[in-house]
Amino acid sequence: MAKIVSNFFISLDGVVERPDQWHFPYFDDEMGAAVGHGVERATAFLMGRKQYQEWAEYWPNKADGDDGGFAGFINSVPKYVLSNTLTEATWQNTTLLTGESEQVAARLREIKERSDGEIAMSGSTTTVRWLLANGLLDELRLLVHPIAVGSGQRLFEETPTYPLRLARHETFKSGVLNLAYVPA
């Protein structure tokens, strides 16, 4: 059975929005290896509507080259999109999951049961919150950056309490913490 694994770049004060504005000074070989390891284990990719629309506009037009192979991966891997507003998904190997929350949760459980490896996610706070609320998130991986951003969307805002257990941890030379949590 596959695991759904969510990955975030996150600041000390919990901000996940616009990492392109604060993340890159901390990106080094250690972080690159951690991100690459996650991509290697992914057999599918899960995203919400916003991310799908952004990525479907960008990645299909990119050749697999200087990006470390990500374009080839993301363009060929099976992709699942959770949305109540999209009516079609035209990016190759994309399945749109729509409908009532219970129906979508049931379909996602079926996908997990018939799949192996990891169904990876990157970002998508709304989707992660929904997965947690429906008992579908198996692991939350956070690359915690040693910076307080001060403003921006946080991973958990106005959400119920979700008990988590630290499964793995590592400290990079940059001061970034590589943390993995599972539901408690």
Protein backbone atom coordinates (compact mmCIF):
# COMPACT_ATOMS: atom_id res chain seq x y z
CA MET A 1 0.00 0.00 0.00
CA ALA A 2 1.26 3.50 -0.87
CA LYS A 3 1.82 6.26 1.67
CA ILE A 4 0.76 9.86 1.12
CA VAL A 5 3.72 12.07 2.03
CA SER A 6 3.58 15.85 2.14
CA ASN A 7 6.70 18.02 1.86
CA PHE A 8 7.07 21.67 2.86
CA PHE A 9 9.71 24.34 3.07
CA ILE A 10 8.68 26.12 6.27
CA SER A 11 10.05 28.99 8.35
CA LEU A 12 10.50 28.94 12.13
CA ASP A 13 7.29 30.92 12.51
CA GLY A 14 5.34 28.38 10.42
CA VAL A 15 5.14 30.31 7.13
CA VAL A 16 5.00 28.19 3.99
CA GLU A 17 3.91 30.87 1.54
CA ARG A 18 6.33 32.21 -1.09
CA PRO A 19 9.38 30.12 -0.15
CA ASP A 20 11.03 31.50 -3.30
CA GLN A 21 11.47 34.72 -1.29
CA TRP A 22 13.30 33.20 1.72
CA HIS A 23 14.28 29.60 1.02
CA PHE A 24 17.13 29.73 -1.50
CA PRO A 25 19.91 31.06 0.78
CA TYR A 26 19.55 27.77 2.71
CA PHE A 27 19.45 25.40 -0.26
CA ASP A 28 22.65 23.37 -0.35
CA ASP A 29 23.83 19.86 -1.23
CA GLU A 30 22.35 18.36 1.96
CA MET A 31 18.92 19.79 1.25
CA GLY A 32 19.21 18.87 -2.42
CA ALA A 33 19.94 15.27 -1.44
CA ALA A 34 16.95 15.19 0.93
CA VAL A 35 14.62 16.60 -1.73
CA GLY A 36 16.06 14.23 -4.35
CA HIS A 37 15.59 11.24 -2.06
CA GLY A 38 11.91 12.13 -1.69
CA VAL A 39 11.46 12.38 -5.45
CA GLU A 40 13.17 9.00 -5.95
CA ARG A 41 10.62 7.28 -3.68
CA ALA A 42 7.59 8.92 -5.29
CA THR A 43 5.52 6.71 -7.56
CA ALA A 44 2.73 9.30 -7.94
CA PHE A 45 2.06 12.94 -7.14
CA LEU A 46 -0.94 14.53 -5.40
CA MET A 47 -1.91 18.18 -5.61
CA GLY A 48 -4.72 20.63 -5.18
CA ARG A 49 -6.25 22.77 -7.90
CA LYS A 50 -4.04 25.86 -7.44
CA GLN A 51 -0.81 23.91 -7.64
CA TYR A 52 -2.10 21.85 -10.55
CA GLN A 53 -2.97 24.96 -12.55
CA GLU A 54 0.42 26.56 -11.87
CA TRP A 55 2.45 23.44 -12.56
CA ALA A 56 0.41 22.29 -15.59
CA GLU A 57 1.16 25.65 -17.16
CA TYR A 58 4.89 25.41 -16.46
CA TRP A 59 6.23 21.83 -16.39
CA PRO A 60 4.85 20.30 -19.62
CA ASN A 61 6.84 22.92 -21.53
CA LYS A 62 10.14 22.12 -19.81
CA ALA A 63 12.68 19.67 -21.15
CA ASP A 64 14.35 17.32 -18.70
CA GLY A 65 17.73 18.99 -18.30
CA ASP A 66 19.24 21.38 -15.80
CA ASP A 67 16.44 20.84 -13.28
CA GLY A 68 17.95 17.63 -11.93
CA GLY A 69 15.46 15.48 -13.83
CA PHE A 70 12.35 16.90 -12.17
CA ALA A 71 10.65 17.82 -15.46
CA GLY A 72 10.93 14.25 -16.71
CA PHE A 73 9.66 12.93 -13.39
CA ILE A 74 6.69 15.25 -12.96
CA ASN A 75 5.60 15.02 -16.58
CA SER A 76 5.58 11.21 -16.62
CA VAL A 77 4.49 10.27 -13.08
CA PRO A 78 0.79 9.60 -12.38
CA LYS A 79 -0.75 12.77 -10.94
CA TYR A 80 -3.92 13.07 -8.85
CA VAL A 81 -5.66 16.42 -8.46
CA LEU A 82 -8.21 17.18 -5.75
CA SER A 83 -10.63 19.86 -6.93
CA ASN A 84 -14.29 20.77 -6.82
CA THR A 85 -13.95 23.42 -9.52
CA LEU A 86 -11.83 21.89 -12.29
CA THR A 87 -13.79 20.11 -14.99
CA GLU A 88 -10.85 18.62 -16.85
CA ALA A 89 -7.16 17.91 -16.38
CA THR A 90 -5.20 17.87 -19.62
CA TRP A 91 -1.66 17.38 -18.32
CA GLN A 92 -0.50 13.87 -19.25
CA ASN A 93 -1.05 11.10 -16.68
CA THR A 94 -3.42 13.25 -14.58
CA THR A 95 -6.54 11.98 -12.84
CA LEU A 96 -9.01 14.50 -11.48
CA LEU A 97 -10.65 13.57 -8.16
CA THR A 98 -13.87 15.54 -7.68
CA GLY A 99 -17.12 15.18 -5.80
CA GLU A 100 -18.28 15.15 -2.22
CA SER A 101 -15.51 14.99 0.37
CA GLU A 102 -16.45 11.43 1.41
CA GLN A 103 -16.40 10.22 -2.19
CA VAL A 104 -13.00 11.78 -2.88
CA ALA A 105 -11.60 10.33 0.37
CA ALA A 106 -12.87 6.87 -0.61
CA ARG A 107 -11.29 7.15 -4.08
CA LEU A 108 -8.00 8.26 -2.58
CA ARG A 109 -8.04 5.30 -0.17
CA GLU A 110 -8.56 2.98 -3.15
CA ILE A 111 -5.63 4.60 -4.98
CA LYS A 112 -3.44 4.13 -1.89
CA GLU A 113 -4.46 0.48 -1.55
CA ARG A 114 -3.70 -0.43 -5.16
CA SER A 115 -0.43 1.54 -5.31
CA ASP A 116 3.08 1.08 -3.94
CA GLY A 117 5.72 3.57 -2.86
CA GLU A 118 4.91 7.12 -1.97
CA ILE A 119 2.28 9.47 -3.31
CA ALA A 120 4.20 12.70 -2.86
CA MET A 121 2.98 16.24 -2.36
CA SER A 122 4.79 19.54 -2.32
CA GLY A 123 2.99 22.42 -0.67
CA SER A 124 -0.82 22.62 -0.96
CA THR A 125 -1.76 23.64 2.59
CA THR A 126 -5.49 23.28 1.97
CA THR A 127 -5.00 19.76 0.65
CA VAL A 128 -2.78 18.74 3.58
CA ARG A 129 -5.35 20.01 6.06
CA TRP A 130 -8.08 18.06 4.26
CA LEU A 131 -5.92 14.91 4.22
CA LEU A 132 -5.28 15.19 7.96
CA ALA A 133 -8.98 15.76 8.67
CA ASN A 134 -9.80 12.60 6.69
CA GLY A 135 -7.05 10.41 8.13
CA LEU A 136 -5.28 10.12 4.78
CA LEU A 137 -1.90 11.78 5.40
CA ASP A 138 0.75 9.21 6.33
CA GLU A 139 3.77 11.48 6.77
CA LEU A 140 4.47 15.20 6.99
CA ARG A 141 8.03 16.19 6.06
CA LEU A 142 9.17 19.67 7.00
CA LEU A 143 12.39 21.41 6.04
CA VAL A 144 12.36 24.02 8.81
CA HIS A 145 14.47 27.04 7.84
CA PRO A 146 16.20 29.14 10.52
CA ILE A 147 14.34 32.31 9.61
CA ALA A 148 11.24 34.08 10.93
CA VAL A 149 9.45 35.40 7.85
CA GLY A 150 6.90 37.38 9.85
CA SER A 151 3.93 37.21 7.52
CA GLY A 152 2.38 34.85 5.01
CA GLN A 153 0.22 31.77 5.00
CA ARG A 154 1.06 29.30 7.70
CA LEU A 155 0.70 25.55 7.39
CA PHE A 156 -1.73 25.39 10.30
CA GLU A 157 -4.05 28.36 10.73
CA GLU A 158 -7.48 28.06 12.30
CA THR A 159 -7.30 24.26 12.18
CA PRO A 160 -8.29 21.54 14.63
CA THR A 161 -5.60 19.95 16.77
CA TYR A 162 -3.70 17.15 15.03
CA PRO A 163 -1.41 15.12 17.31
CA LEU A 164 1.76 14.14 15.45
CA ARG A 165 4.78 12.02 16.39
CA LEU A 166 8.34 12.79 15.31
CA ALA A 167 9.50 9.86 13.17
CA ARG A 168 12.90 11.16 11.96
CA HIS A 169 15.05 14.23 12.32
CA GLU A 170 18.27 15.58 10.94
CA THR A 171 20.08 18.92 11.22
CA PHE A 172 21.82 20.31 8.16
CA LYS A 173 24.99 22.44 8.37
CA SER A 174 22.88 25.41 7.20
CA GLY A 175 20.77 25.14 10.36
CA VAL A 176 17.80 23.72 8.47
CA LEU A 177 15.97 20.96 10.32
CA ASN A 178 14.77 18.00 8.25
CA LEU A 179 11.81 16.67 10.25
CA ALA A 180 9.36 13.86 9.48
CA TYR A 181 6.13 13.48 11.44
CA VAL A 182 3.45 10.81 11.35
CA PRO A 183 -0.04 10.94 12.86
CA ALA A 184 0.10 10.01 16.55
